[in-house]
Amino acid sequence: MISNGYNNRLFSRAGLRRIYHLARFKWVRDKVAKLPWDLKLVELGCYDGRLLDTLGERVSEYVGIDANWEGGLDIAREKFADRSNVRLIHATDPTALSLLPDNHFNVAAALETLEHVPADLVGPYLDELGRITHGHLFVSVPNELGPIFLIKYLAKRLFYGAAESYRFAEVIAATMRRSDKVQRYDHKGFDYRDVVREVQARFEVLAVEGLPRTGLPPALSPTVAIYAKSRGAVIGSIGLSRKTHQLGNRAPQ
């Protein structure tokens, strides 16, 4: 049975949690609204394809890649079963992207995904996105450092009844932005600055922003958003054709 628990937790109820989690999709939508061409989009960590839903007809071709955590990819397969321009790939390591062609996509995204990836695989995943994308990259990750970490940690414990298990010393270290003193597990001990550096090593970073957009710097925002482009890409010259290659909705690889 397909579960919709993830969407129910994050998006079904009005409130700050919904606003916080919708902000990344609105950020991408607003950025790509300025682009004059159809989008050939590859998304790492697509879950059920909410980004595709958000961008709608702007997307002429879509490849969604996911580990099927909580059955998200199953939901997407059901939702997009009749879409010939949608391909969904099950992946638990970067080799799943190896059959995608070089420089095929003009937009790549990884929204709230890289914090769940083992640290030694973040670089290889970005290598693959860099290989298959000649255009824009959108990455968002949670801020688990400083005062924002402390606010989120307390809110999870007080209002949602769940939080990662931190020792007292680790709470202090994360609040002091010393991720090296926190044992890493998923969100716990995650340092967005490492991801910024990994992206900078492979792409030209255009902006690092805080989400939701309140005017606060990334260090004081719940989410850090990284907007980049392929090195050497002439952004205005790609993806202008309305004709696209249809990959089809294939079985997972």
C-alpha atoms as a PDB file:
ATOM      1  CA  MET A   1       0.000   0.000   0.000  1.00  0.00           C
ATOM      2  CA  ILE A   2       1.322   3.441  -0.944  1.00  0.00           C
ATOM      3  CA  SER A   3       1.853   5.685   2.072  1.00  0.00           C
ATOM      4  CA  ASN A   4       1.320   9.442   2.021  1.00  0.00           C
ATOM      5  CA  GLY A   5       2.639  10.017   5.538  1.00  0.00           C
ATOM      6  CA  TYR A   6       5.478  12.295   4.451  1.00  0.00           C
ATOM      7  CA  ASN A   7       3.139  14.693   2.649  1.00  0.00           C
ATOM      8  CA  ASN A   8       0.662  14.593   5.511  1.00  0.00           C
ATOM      9  CA  ARG A   9       3.355  15.555   8.007  1.00  0.00           C
ATOM     10  CA  LEU A  10       4.887  18.360   5.992  1.00  0.00           C
ATOM     11  CA  PHE A  11       2.249  19.801   3.685  1.00  0.00           C
ATOM     12  CA  SER A  12      -1.290  18.901   4.744  1.00  0.00           C
ATOM     13  CA  ARG A  13      -1.721  21.311   7.655  1.00  0.00           C
ATOM     14  CA  ALA A  14      -1.624  25.090   7.596  1.00  0.00           C
ATOM     15  CA  GLY A  15       1.135  26.621   9.680  1.00  0.00           C
ATOM     16  CA  LEU A  16       4.833  27.396   9.847  1.00  0.00           C
ATOM     17  CA  ARG A  17       5.922  23.856   9.001  1.00  0.00           C
ATOM     18  CA  ARG A  18       4.014  23.896   5.717  1.00  0.00           C
ATOM     19  CA  ILE A  19       5.318  27.380   4.834  1.00  0.00           C
ATOM     20  CA  TYR A  20       8.857  26.295   5.639  1.00  0.00           C
ATOM     21  CA  HIS A  21       8.741  23.192   3.458  1.00  0.00           C
ATOM     22  CA  LEU A  22       6.938  24.809   0.518  1.00  0.00           C
ATOM     23  CA  ALA A  23       9.504  27.604   0.355  1.00  0.00           C
ATOM     24  CA  ARG A  24      12.045  25.574  -1.623  1.00  0.00           C
ATOM     25  CA  PHE A  25       9.583  24.795  -4.412  1.00  0.00           C
ATOM     26  CA  LYS A  26       8.505  28.438  -4.661  1.00  0.00           C
ATOM     27  CA  TRP A  27      12.172  29.474  -4.762  1.00  0.00           C
ATOM     28  CA  VAL A  28      12.867  27.271  -7.796  1.00  0.00           C
ATOM     29  CA  ARG A  29       9.615  28.332  -9.468  1.00  0.00           C
ATOM     30  CA  ASP A  30      10.474  32.025  -9.098  1.00  0.00           C
ATOM     31  CA  LYS A  31      14.015  31.529 -10.416  1.00  0.00           C
ATOM     32  CA  VAL A  32      13.034  29.534 -13.499  1.00  0.00           C
ATOM     33  CA  ALA A  33      10.194  31.949 -14.277  1.00  0.00           C
ATOM     34  CA  LYS A  34      12.907  34.254 -15.641  1.00  0.00           C
ATOM     35  CA  LEU A  35      14.207  31.633 -18.073  1.00  0.00           C
ATOM     36  CA  PRO A  36      12.828  31.870 -21.638  1.00  0.00           C
ATOM     37  CA  TRP A  37      13.013  28.194 -22.570  1.00  0.00           C
ATOM     38  CA  ASP A  38      11.368  24.901 -21.751  1.00  0.00           C
ATOM     39  CA  LEU A  39      12.967  23.031 -18.892  1.00  0.00           C
ATOM     40  CA  LYS A  40      14.700  19.678 -19.299  1.00  0.00           C
ATOM     41  CA  LEU A  41      14.814  18.880 -15.613  1.00  0.00           C
ATOM     42  CA  VAL A  42      16.612  16.172 -13.651  1.00  0.00           C
ATOM     43  CA  GLU A  43      15.810  15.983  -9.942  1.00  0.00           C
ATOM     44  CA  LEU A  44      17.770  14.071  -7.332  1.00  0.00           C
ATOM     45  CA  GLY A  45      15.539  13.119  -4.414  1.00  0.00           C
ATOM     46  CA  CYS A  46      12.294  13.749  -6.262  1.00  0.00           C
ATOM     47  CA  TYR A  47      10.028  11.881  -3.797  1.00  0.00           C
ATOM     48  CA  ASP A  48       6.574  12.110  -5.453  1.00  0.00           C
ATOM     49  CA  GLY A  49       7.446  14.789  -8.022  1.00  0.00           C
ATOM     50  CA  ARG A  50       6.185  17.870  -6.179  1.00  0.00           C
ATOM     51  CA  LEU A  51       8.707  20.062  -8.000  1.00  0.00           C
ATOM     52  CA  LEU A  52       7.348  18.842 -11.350  1.00  0.00           C
ATOM     53  CA  ASP A  53       3.835  19.613 -10.122  1.00  0.00           C
ATOM     54  CA  THR A  54       4.998  23.101  -9.100  1.00  0.00           C
ATOM     55  CA  LEU A  55       6.659  23.922 -12.429  1.00  0.00           C
ATOM     56  CA  GLY A  56       3.889  22.375 -14.519  1.00  0.00           C
ATOM     57  CA  GLU A  57       3.996  22.899 -18.283  1.00  0.00           C
ATOM     58  CA  ARG A  58       7.365  24.663 -18.102  1.00  0.00           C
ATOM     59  CA  VAL A  59       8.922  21.184 -17.929  1.00  0.00           C
ATOM     60  CA  SER A  60       9.184  19.501 -21.318  1.00  0.00           C
ATOM     61  CA  GLU A  61      11.217  16.553 -20.033  1.00  0.00           C
ATOM     62  CA  TYR A  62      11.669  15.249 -16.500  1.00  0.00           C
ATOM     63  CA  VAL A  63      13.810  12.584 -14.869  1.00  0.00           C
ATOM     64  CA  GLY A  64      13.141  12.009 -11.179  1.00  0.00           C
ATOM     65  CA  ILE A  65      15.640  10.018  -9.110  1.00  0.00           C
ATOM     66  CA  ASP A  66      14.838   8.747  -5.645  1.00  0.00           C
ATOM     67  CA  ALA A  67      15.573   5.964  -3.151  1.00  0.00           C
ATOM     68  CA  ASN A  68      11.802   5.460  -2.727  1.00  0.00           C
ATOM     69  CA  TRP A  69      11.957   6.516   0.902  1.00  0.00           C
ATOM     70  CA  GLU A  70       8.471   6.161   2.431  1.00  0.00           C
ATOM     71  CA  GLY A  71       7.188   5.055  -0.971  1.00  0.00           C
ATOM     72  CA  GLY A  72       7.545   8.459  -2.628  1.00  0.00           C
ATOM     73  CA  LEU A  73       8.649   7.036  -5.960  1.00  0.00           C
ATOM     74  CA  ASP A  74       5.668   4.675  -5.951  1.00  0.00           C
ATOM     75  CA  ILE A  75       3.370   7.682  -5.559  1.00  0.00           C
ATOM     76  CA  ALA A  76       5.125   9.406  -8.464  1.00  0.00           C
ATOM     77  CA  ARG A  77       4.819   6.336 -10.685  1.00  0.00           C
ATOM     78  CA  GLU A  78       1.069   6.272 -10.079  1.00  0.00           C
ATOM     79  CA  LYS A  79       0.693  10.019 -10.511  1.00  0.00           C
ATOM     80  CA  PHE A  80       2.661  10.286 -13.765  1.00  0.00           C
ATOM     81  CA  ALA A  81       1.818   6.912 -15.304  1.00  0.00           C
ATOM     82  CA  ASP A  82       0.384   8.528 -18.445  1.00  0.00           C
ATOM     83  CA  ARG A  83       3.192  11.080 -18.932  1.00  0.00           C
ATOM     84  CA  SER A  84       5.518  10.020 -21.764  1.00  0.00           C
ATOM     85  CA  ASN A  85       7.993  12.798 -20.935  1.00  0.00           C
ATOM     86  CA  VAL A  86       8.544  11.580 -17.361  1.00  0.00           C
ATOM     87  CA  ARG A  87      11.116   8.988 -16.375  1.00  0.00           C
ATOM     88  CA  LEU A  88      11.521   7.772 -12.783  1.00  0.00           C
ATOM     89  CA  ILE A  89      14.674   6.028 -11.564  1.00  0.00           C
ATOM     90  CA  HIS A  90      15.211   4.192  -8.300  1.00  0.00           C
ATOM     91  CA  ALA A  91      18.684   5.032  -6.953  1.00  0.00           C
ATOM     92  CA  THR A  92      20.653   4.409  -3.793  1.00  0.00           C
ATOM     93  CA  ASP A  93      24.056   5.453  -5.163  1.00  0.00           C
ATOM     94  CA  PRO A  94      25.401   7.693  -7.973  1.00  0.00           C
ATOM     95  CA  THR A  95      25.924   4.845 -10.439  1.00  0.00           C
ATOM     96  CA  ALA A  96      22.183   4.898 -11.138  1.00  0.00           C
ATOM     97  CA  LEU A  97      22.761   8.154 -13.049  1.00  0.00           C
ATOM     98  CA  SER A  98      25.518   6.711 -15.233  1.00  0.00           C
ATOM     99  CA  LEU A  99      23.261   5.911 -18.213  1.00  0.00           C
ATOM    100  CA  LEU A 100      21.928   9.456 -18.488  1.00  0.00           C
ATOM    101  CA  PRO A 101      23.634  11.329 -21.355  1.00  0.00           C
ATOM    102  CA  ASP A 102      26.199  14.097 -20.944  1.00  0.00           C
ATOM    103  CA  ASN A 103      24.928  17.698 -20.959  1.00  0.00           C
ATOM    104  CA  HIS A 104      21.372  16.556 -21.638  1.00  0.00           C
ATOM    105  CA  PHE A 105      19.505  18.651 -19.051  1.00  0.00           C
ATOM    106  CA  ASN A 106      19.350  22.407 -18.651  1.00  0.00           C
ATOM    107  CA  VAL A 107      18.147  22.331 -15.030  1.00  0.00           C
ATOM    108  CA  ALA A 108      19.107  20.047 -12.142  1.00  0.00           C
ATOM    109  CA  ALA A 109      17.694  20.094  -8.628  1.00  0.00           C
ATOM    110  CA  ALA A 110      18.340  18.429  -5.287  1.00  0.00           C
ATOM    111  CA  LEU A 111      15.922  19.822  -2.718  1.00  0.00           C
ATOM    112  CA  GLU A 112      16.269  18.704   0.921  1.00  0.00           C
ATOM    113  CA  THR A 113      18.121  15.621  -0.297  1.00  0.00           C
ATOM    114  CA  LEU A 114      21.875  15.875   0.218  1.00  0.00           C
ATOM    115  CA  GLU A 115      21.551  15.919   4.015  1.00  0.00           C
ATOM    116  CA  HIS A 116      20.258  12.342   3.729  1.00  0.00           C
ATOM    117  CA  VAL A 117      23.150  11.224   1.528  1.00  0.00           C
ATOM    118  CA  PRO A 118      26.299   9.744   3.147  1.00  0.00           C
ATOM    119  CA  ALA A 119      28.994  12.420   3.178  1.00  0.00           C
ATOM    120  CA  ASP A 120      31.294  10.416   0.906  1.00  0.00           C
ATOM    121  CA  LEU A 121      28.585  10.211  -1.792  1.00  0.00           C
ATOM    122  CA  VAL A 122      27.651  13.910  -1.933  1.00  0.00           C
ATOM    123  CA  GLY A 123      30.580  14.699  -4.212  1.00  0.00           C
ATOM    124  CA  PRO A 124      29.964  11.756  -6.591  1.00  0.00           C
ATOM    125  CA  TYR A 125      26.265  12.667  -6.893  1.00  0.00           C
ATOM    126  CA  LEU A 126      27.210  16.265  -7.716  1.00  0.00           C
ATOM    127  CA  ASP A 127      29.783  14.978 -10.207  1.00  0.00           C
ATOM    128  CA  GLU A 128      27.011  13.118 -12.017  1.00  0.00           C
ATOM    129  CA  LEU A 129      24.674  16.111 -11.948  1.00  0.00           C
ATOM    130  CA  GLY A 130      27.512  18.228 -13.331  1.00  0.00           C
ATOM    131  CA  ARG A 131      28.136  15.715 -16.105  1.00  0.00           C
ATOM    132  CA  ILE A 132      24.536  15.469 -17.284  1.00  0.00           C
ATOM    133  CA  THR A 133      23.581  19.138 -16.817  1.00  0.00           C
ATOM    134  CA  HIS A 134      24.613  22.123 -18.920  1.00  0.00           C
ATOM    135  CA  GLY A 135      22.728  24.919 -17.223  1.00  0.00           C
ATOM    136  CA  HIS A 136      21.316  25.671 -13.797  1.00  0.00           C
ATOM    137  CA  LEU A 137      21.556  23.806 -10.499  1.00  0.00           C
ATOM    138  CA  PHE A 138      19.210  24.294  -7.543  1.00  0.00           C
ATOM    139  CA  VAL A 139      20.147  22.817  -4.170  1.00  0.00           C
ATOM    140  CA  SER A 140      18.440  23.309  -0.830  1.00  0.00           C
ATOM    141  CA  VAL A 141      19.512  21.827   2.491  1.00  0.00           C
ATOM    142  CA  PRO A 142      18.476  22.409   6.108  1.00  0.00           C
ATOM    143  CA  ASN A 143      20.417  24.690   8.417  1.00  0.00           C
ATOM    144  CA  GLU A 144      21.331  22.549  11.433  1.00  0.00           C
ATOM    145  CA  LEU A 145      23.745  25.032  13.000  1.00  0.00           C
ATOM    146  CA  GLY A 146      23.669  28.051  15.294  1.00  0.00           C
ATOM    147  CA  PRO A 147      20.563  29.559  16.877  1.00  0.00           C
ATOM    148  CA  ILE A 148      18.376  28.188  14.076  1.00  0.00           C
ATOM    149  CA  PHE A 149      19.445  24.668  15.020  1.00  0.00           C
ATOM    150  CA  LEU A 150      18.511  25.284  18.658  1.00  0.00           C
ATOM    151  CA  ILE A 151      15.088  26.680  17.744  1.00  0.00           C
ATOM    152  CA  LYS A 152      14.354  23.750  15.426  1.00  0.00           C
ATOM    153  CA  TYR A 153      15.628  21.197  17.934  1.00  0.00           C
ATOM    154  CA  LEU A 154      13.455  22.554  20.742  1.00  0.00           C
ATOM    155  CA  ALA A 155      10.418  22.879  18.466  1.00  0.00           C
ATOM    156  CA  LYS A 156      10.738  19.241  17.383  1.00  0.00           C
ATOM    157  CA  ARG A 157      10.902  18.086  20.991  1.00  0.00           C
ATOM    158  CA  LEU A 158       8.147  20.342  22.329  1.00  0.00           C
ATOM    159  CA  PHE A 159       5.623  20.430  19.488  1.00  0.00           C
ATOM    160  CA  TYR A 160       6.250  17.389  17.298  1.00  0.00           C
ATOM    161  CA  GLY A 161       7.410  14.893  19.907  1.00  0.00           C
ATOM    162  CA  ALA A 162      10.471  13.855  17.928  1.00  0.00           C
ATOM    163  CA  ALA A 163      14.028  14.999  17.466  1.00  0.00           C
ATOM    164  CA  GLU A 164      17.405  13.503  16.710  1.00  0.00           C
ATOM    165  CA  SER A 165      19.183  12.175  19.795  1.00  0.00           C
ATOM    166  CA  TYR A 166      21.797  14.730  20.826  1.00  0.00           C
ATOM    167  CA  ARG A 167      23.985  14.616  23.889  1.00  0.00           C
ATOM    168  CA  PHE A 168      23.992  17.908  25.828  1.00  0.00           C
ATOM    169  CA  ALA A 169      27.525  18.631  24.643  1.00  0.00           C
ATOM    170  CA  GLU A 170      26.408  18.095  21.051  1.00  0.00           C
ATOM    171  CA  VAL A 171      23.516  20.547  21.449  1.00  0.00           C
ATOM    172  CA  ILE A 172      26.008  23.158  22.639  1.00  0.00           C
ATOM    173  CA  ALA A 173      28.425  22.340  19.817  1.00  0.00           C
ATOM    174  CA  ALA A 174      25.748  22.575  17.102  1.00  0.00           C
ATOM    175  CA  THR A 175      24.518  25.855  18.579  1.00  0.00           C
ATOM    176  CA  MET A 176      28.106  27.131  18.427  1.00  0.00           C
ATOM    177  CA  ARG A 177      28.299  25.981  14.784  1.00  0.00           C
ATOM    178  CA  ARG A 178      30.877  23.287  15.616  1.00  0.00           C
ATOM    179  CA  SER A 179      29.535  20.432  13.529  1.00  0.00           C
ATOM    180  CA  ASP A 180      32.873  18.639  13.923  1.00  0.00           C
ATOM    181  CA  LYS A 181      31.903  17.984  17.546  1.00  0.00           C
ATOM    182  CA  VAL A 182      28.578  16.348  16.652  1.00  0.00           C
ATOM    183  CA  GLN A 183      28.288  12.711  15.584  1.00  0.00           C
ATOM    184  CA  ARG A 184      26.721  12.775  12.128  1.00  0.00           C
ATOM    185  CA  TYR A 185      23.490  10.948  11.370  1.00  0.00           C
ATOM    186  CA  ASP A 186      21.029  12.246   8.763  1.00  0.00           C
ATOM    187  CA  HIS A 187      20.109  15.795   9.883  1.00  0.00           C
ATOM    188  CA  LYS A 188      22.159  15.414  13.045  1.00  0.00           C
ATOM    189  CA  GLY A 189      25.564  17.042  12.662  1.00  0.00           C
ATOM    190  CA  PHE A 190      24.805  18.094   9.086  1.00  0.00           C
ATOM    191  CA  ASP A 191      26.779  21.156   7.983  1.00  0.00           C
ATOM    192  CA  TYR A 192      25.389  23.077   5.010  1.00  0.00           C
ATOM    193  CA  ARG A 193      28.777  24.769   4.562  1.00  0.00           C
ATOM    194  CA  ASP A 194      30.228  21.448   3.395  1.00  0.00           C
ATOM    195  CA  VAL A 195      27.595  21.231   0.653  1.00  0.00           C
ATOM    196  CA  VAL A 196      28.274  24.817  -0.440  1.00  0.00           C
ATOM    197  CA  ARG A 197      31.950  23.903  -0.809  1.00  0.00           C
ATOM    198  CA  GLU A 198      31.121  20.723  -2.737  1.00  0.00           C
ATOM    199  CA  VAL A 199      28.907  22.675  -5.146  1.00  0.00           C
ATOM    200  CA  GLN A 200      31.555  25.408  -5.545  1.00  0.00           C
ATOM    201  CA  ALA A 201      34.106  22.765  -6.524  1.00  0.00           C
ATOM    202  CA  ARG A 202      31.968  21.706  -9.503  1.00  0.00           C
ATOM    203  CA  PHE A 203      29.734  24.635 -10.468  1.00  0.00           C
ATOM    204  CA  GLU A 204      29.799  28.401 -10.558  1.00  0.00           C
ATOM    205  CA  VAL A 205      27.754  29.479  -7.536  1.00  0.00           C
ATOM    206  CA  LEU A 206      25.511  32.446  -8.360  1.00  0.00           C
ATOM    207  CA  ALA A 207      23.853  32.867  -4.961  1.00  0.00           C
ATOM    208  CA  VAL A 208      23.546  31.322  -1.505  1.00  0.00           C
ATOM    209  CA  GLU A 209      20.239  32.390   0.025  1.00  0.00           C
ATOM    210  CA  GLY A 210      18.115  31.796   3.090  1.00  0.00           C
ATOM    211  CA  LEU A 211      14.642  30.241   2.897  1.00  0.00           C
ATOM    212  CA  PRO A 212      11.883  31.129   3.492  1.00  0.00           C
ATOM    213  CA  ARG A 213      12.848  34.471   1.977  1.00  0.00           C
ATOM    214  CA  THR A 214      12.632  36.957   4.843  1.00  0.00           C
ATOM    215  CA  GLY A 215      15.749  39.019   4.150  1.00  0.00           C
ATOM    216  CA  LEU A 216      17.733  37.130   6.765  1.00  0.00           C
ATOM    217  CA  PRO A 217      21.124  35.669   5.796  1.00  0.00           C
ATOM    218  CA  PRO A 218      21.448  31.911   5.242  1.00  0.00           C
ATOM    219  CA  ALA A 219      23.078  31.408   8.664  1.00  0.00           C
ATOM    220  CA  LEU A 220      19.884  32.693  10.311  1.00  0.00           C
ATOM    221  CA  SER A 221      17.411  30.894   8.033  1.00  0.00           C
ATOM    222  CA  PRO A 222      15.905  27.410   8.436  1.00  0.00           C
ATOM    223  CA  THR A 223      16.929  26.405   4.910  1.00  0.00           C
ATOM    224  CA  VAL A 224      19.990  27.258   2.830  1.00  0.00           C
ATOM    225  CA  ALA A 225      19.420  27.481  -0.931  1.00  0.00           C
ATOM    226  CA  ILE A 226      22.306  27.289  -3.416  1.00  0.00           C
ATOM    227  CA  TYR A 227      21.788  28.578  -6.948  1.00  0.00           C
ATOM    228  CA  ALA A 228      24.547  27.702  -9.409  1.00  0.00           C
ATOM    229  CA  LYS A 229      25.289  27.093 -13.072  1.00  0.00           C
ATOM    230  CA  SER A 230      27.567  24.807 -15.024  1.00  0.00           C
ATOM    231  CA  ARG A 231      31.073  26.174 -15.497  1.00  0.00           C
ATOM    232  CA  GLY A 232      31.417  27.669 -18.950  1.00  0.00           C
ATOM    233  CA  ALA A 233      27.717  27.341 -19.718  1.00  0.00           C
ATOM    234  CA  VAL A 234      26.287  30.021 -21.975  1.00  0.00           C
ATOM    235  CA  ILE A 235      22.986  30.100 -20.144  1.00  0.00           C
ATOM    236  CA  GLY A 236      21.099  32.048 -22.790  1.00  0.00           C
ATOM    237  CA  SER A 237      21.837  29.568 -25.538  1.00  0.00           C
ATOM    238  CA  ILE A 238      20.603  26.260 -24.139  1.00  0.00           C
ATOM    239  CA  GLY A 239      17.215  24.642 -24.234  1.00  0.00           C
ATOM    240  CA  LEU A 240      15.637  27.107 -26.668  1.00  0.00           C
ATOM    241  CA  SER A 241      14.095  24.490 -28.916  1.00  0.00           C
ATOM    242  CA  ARG A 242      10.499  23.492 -28.229  1.00  0.00           C
ATOM    243  CA  LYS A 243      11.305  20.008 -29.558  1.00  0.00           C
ATOM    244  CA  THR A 244      12.449  17.536 -26.937  1.00  0.00           C
ATOM    245  CA  HIS A 245      13.600  13.964 -26.771  1.00  0.00           C
ATOM    246  CA  GLN A 246      11.014  11.867 -24.949  1.00  0.00           C
ATOM    247  CA  LEU A 247      12.565   9.388 -22.540  1.00  0.00           C
ATOM    248  CA  GLY A 248       9.308   7.708 -21.608  1.00  0.00           C
ATOM    249  CA  ASN A 249       8.127   6.360 -18.265  1.00  0.00           C
ATOM    250  CA  ARG A 250      10.420   3.354 -17.829  1.00  0.00           C
ATOM    251  CA  ALA A 251      10.827   0.843 -15.077  1.00  0.00           C
ATOM    252  CA  PRO A 252      13.287   1.669 -12.274  1.00  0.00           C
ATOM    253  CA  GLN A 253      16.929   0.892 -12.874  1.00  0.00           C
END
